[in-house]
Amino acid sequence: MQTMTLDEKLAISNKACLLLKGGDREEYNRLMKLIPVPPLVAEAVKEVIGADFLIEGGWNLSEAEARFGSDWISH
């Protein structure tokens, strides 16, 4: 998977924020989940809340997988 640039992340975030301001929380959430969760944040969420939250929530874990390995979520 190709790494998302900062500009791409900001473009998605800006679009999502406009949607949220317009009252479309569902589309806001969908777009925000396209942005990769930073690896250390994903690791902390996994430890504190649990892997199921990340998996079932549909979060983009591509950066965490690149850093920790593709099976990090299950260990």
C-alpha atoms as a PDB file:
ATOM      1  CA  MET A   1       0.000   0.000   0.000  1.00  0.00           C
ATOM      2  CA  GLN A   2       1.265   3.456  -0.924  1.00  0.00           C
ATOM      3  CA  THR A   3       1.929   5.883   1.906  1.00  0.00           C
ATOM      4  CA  MET A   4      -0.481   8.790   2.123  1.00  0.00           C
ATOM      5  CA  THR A   5       1.202  12.186   1.950  1.00  0.00           C
ATOM      6  CA  LEU A   6       0.574  14.918   4.474  1.00  0.00           C
ATOM      7  CA  ASP A   7      -1.154  16.952   1.768  1.00  0.00           C
ATOM      8  CA  GLU A   8      -3.503  14.037   1.041  1.00  0.00           C
ATOM      9  CA  LYS A   9      -4.267  13.626   4.744  1.00  0.00           C
ATOM     10  CA  LEU A  10      -4.986  17.333   5.112  1.00  0.00           C
ATOM     11  CA  ALA A  11      -7.216  17.389   2.031  1.00  0.00           C
ATOM     12  CA  ILE A  12      -9.323  14.539   3.405  1.00  0.00           C
ATOM     13  CA  SER A  13      -9.450  16.124   6.845  1.00  0.00           C
ATOM     14  CA  ASN A  14     -10.490  19.511   5.445  1.00  0.00           C
ATOM     15  CA  LYS A  15     -13.249  17.940   3.352  1.00  0.00           C
ATOM     16  CA  ALA A  16     -14.433  15.926   6.358  1.00  0.00           C
ATOM     17  CA  CYS A  17     -14.546  19.022   8.566  1.00  0.00           C
ATOM     18  CA  LEU A  18     -16.682  20.843   6.009  1.00  0.00           C
ATOM     19  CA  LEU A  19     -19.075  17.897   5.989  1.00  0.00           C
ATOM     20  CA  LEU A  20     -19.222  17.906   9.780  1.00  0.00           C
ATOM     21  CA  LYS A  21     -19.982  21.633   9.799  1.00  0.00           C
ATOM     22  CA  GLY A  22     -22.825  20.844   7.416  1.00  0.00           C
ATOM     23  CA  GLY A  23     -24.150  18.235   9.826  1.00  0.00           C
ATOM     24  CA  ASP A  24     -23.044  15.082   7.984  1.00  0.00           C
ATOM     25  CA  ARG A  25     -21.358  13.218  10.838  1.00  0.00           C
ATOM     26  CA  GLU A  26     -21.609   9.833   9.104  1.00  0.00           C
ATOM     27  CA  GLU A  27     -19.650  10.976   6.027  1.00  0.00           C
ATOM     28  CA  TYR A  28     -17.215  12.839   8.288  1.00  0.00           C
ATOM     29  CA  ASN A  29     -16.485   9.617  10.180  1.00  0.00           C
ATOM     30  CA  ARG A  30     -16.127   7.630   6.952  1.00  0.00           C
ATOM     31  CA  LEU A  31     -13.614  10.080   5.518  1.00  0.00           C
ATOM     32  CA  MET A  32     -11.593  10.415   8.713  1.00  0.00           C
ATOM     33  CA  LYS A  33     -11.161   6.647   8.844  1.00  0.00           C
ATOM     34  CA  LEU A  34      -9.423   6.840   5.456  1.00  0.00           C
ATOM     35  CA  ILE A  35      -6.520   8.700   7.070  1.00  0.00           C
ATOM     36  CA  PRO A  36      -3.974   6.259   8.524  1.00  0.00           C
ATOM     37  CA  VAL A  37      -3.864   6.154  12.308  1.00  0.00           C
ATOM     38  CA  PRO A  38      -0.320   7.088  13.410  1.00  0.00           C
ATOM     39  CA  PRO A  39       1.505   3.900  14.483  1.00  0.00           C
ATOM     40  CA  LEU A  40       2.103   4.907  18.085  1.00  0.00           C
ATOM     41  CA  VAL A  41      -1.511   6.031  18.466  1.00  0.00           C
ATOM     42  CA  ALA A  42      -2.737   2.726  17.007  1.00  0.00           C
ATOM     43  CA  GLU A  43      -0.467   0.831  19.389  1.00  0.00           C
ATOM     44  CA  ALA A  44      -1.756   2.799  22.401  1.00  0.00           C
ATOM     45  CA  VAL A  45      -5.400   2.332  21.375  1.00  0.00           C
ATOM     46  CA  LYS A  46      -4.788  -1.388  20.950  1.00  0.00           C
ATOM     47  CA  GLU A  47      -3.320  -1.615  24.462  1.00  0.00           C
ATOM     48  CA  VAL A  48      -5.900   0.588  26.202  1.00  0.00           C
ATOM     49  CA  ILE A  49      -9.136  -0.057  24.307  1.00  0.00           C
ATOM     50  CA  GLY A  50      -8.335  -3.254  22.438  1.00  0.00           C
ATOM     51  CA  ALA A  51      -7.622  -4.532  18.955  1.00  0.00           C
ATOM     52  CA  ASP A  52     -11.313  -5.186  18.271  1.00  0.00           C
ATOM     53  CA  PHE A  53     -12.029  -1.452  18.425  1.00  0.00           C
ATOM     54  CA  LEU A  54      -9.531  -0.805  15.651  1.00  0.00           C
ATOM     55  CA  ILE A  55     -10.508  -3.791  13.536  1.00  0.00           C
ATOM     56  CA  GLU A  56     -14.276  -3.464  13.826  1.00  0.00           C
ATOM     57  CA  GLY A  57     -14.130   0.324  13.528  1.00  0.00           C
ATOM     58  CA  GLY A  58     -12.629   0.146  10.070  1.00  0.00           C
ATOM     59  CA  TRP A  59      -9.668   2.366  10.910  1.00  0.00           C
ATOM     60  CA  ASN A  60      -6.846   2.672   8.378  1.00  0.00           C
ATOM     61  CA  LEU A  61      -3.971   0.828  10.033  1.00  0.00           C
ATOM     62  CA  SER A  62      -1.618   0.861   7.047  1.00  0.00           C
ATOM     63  CA  GLU A  63       1.081   2.941   8.752  1.00  0.00           C
ATOM     64  CA  ALA A  64       0.999   0.775  11.889  1.00  0.00           C
ATOM     65  CA  GLU A  65       1.237  -2.364   9.731  1.00  0.00           C
ATOM     66  CA  ALA A  66       4.190  -0.882   7.837  1.00  0.00           C
ATOM     67  CA  ARG A  67       5.972  -0.096  11.097  1.00  0.00           C
ATOM     68  CA  PHE A  68       5.073  -3.119  13.242  1.00  0.00           C
ATOM     69  CA  GLY A  69       4.322  -5.798  10.644  1.00  0.00           C
ATOM     70  CA  SER A  70       1.102  -7.028   9.102  1.00  0.00           C
ATOM     71  CA  ASP A  71       0.229  -9.250  12.079  1.00  0.00           C
ATOM     72  CA  TRP A  72       0.869  -6.695  14.846  1.00  0.00           C
ATOM     73  CA  ILE A  73      -2.828  -6.253  15.572  1.00  0.00           C
ATOM     74  CA  SER A  74      -3.272  -9.915  16.524  1.00  0.00           C
ATOM     75  CA  HIS A  75      -0.283 -10.120  18.881  1.00  0.00           C
END
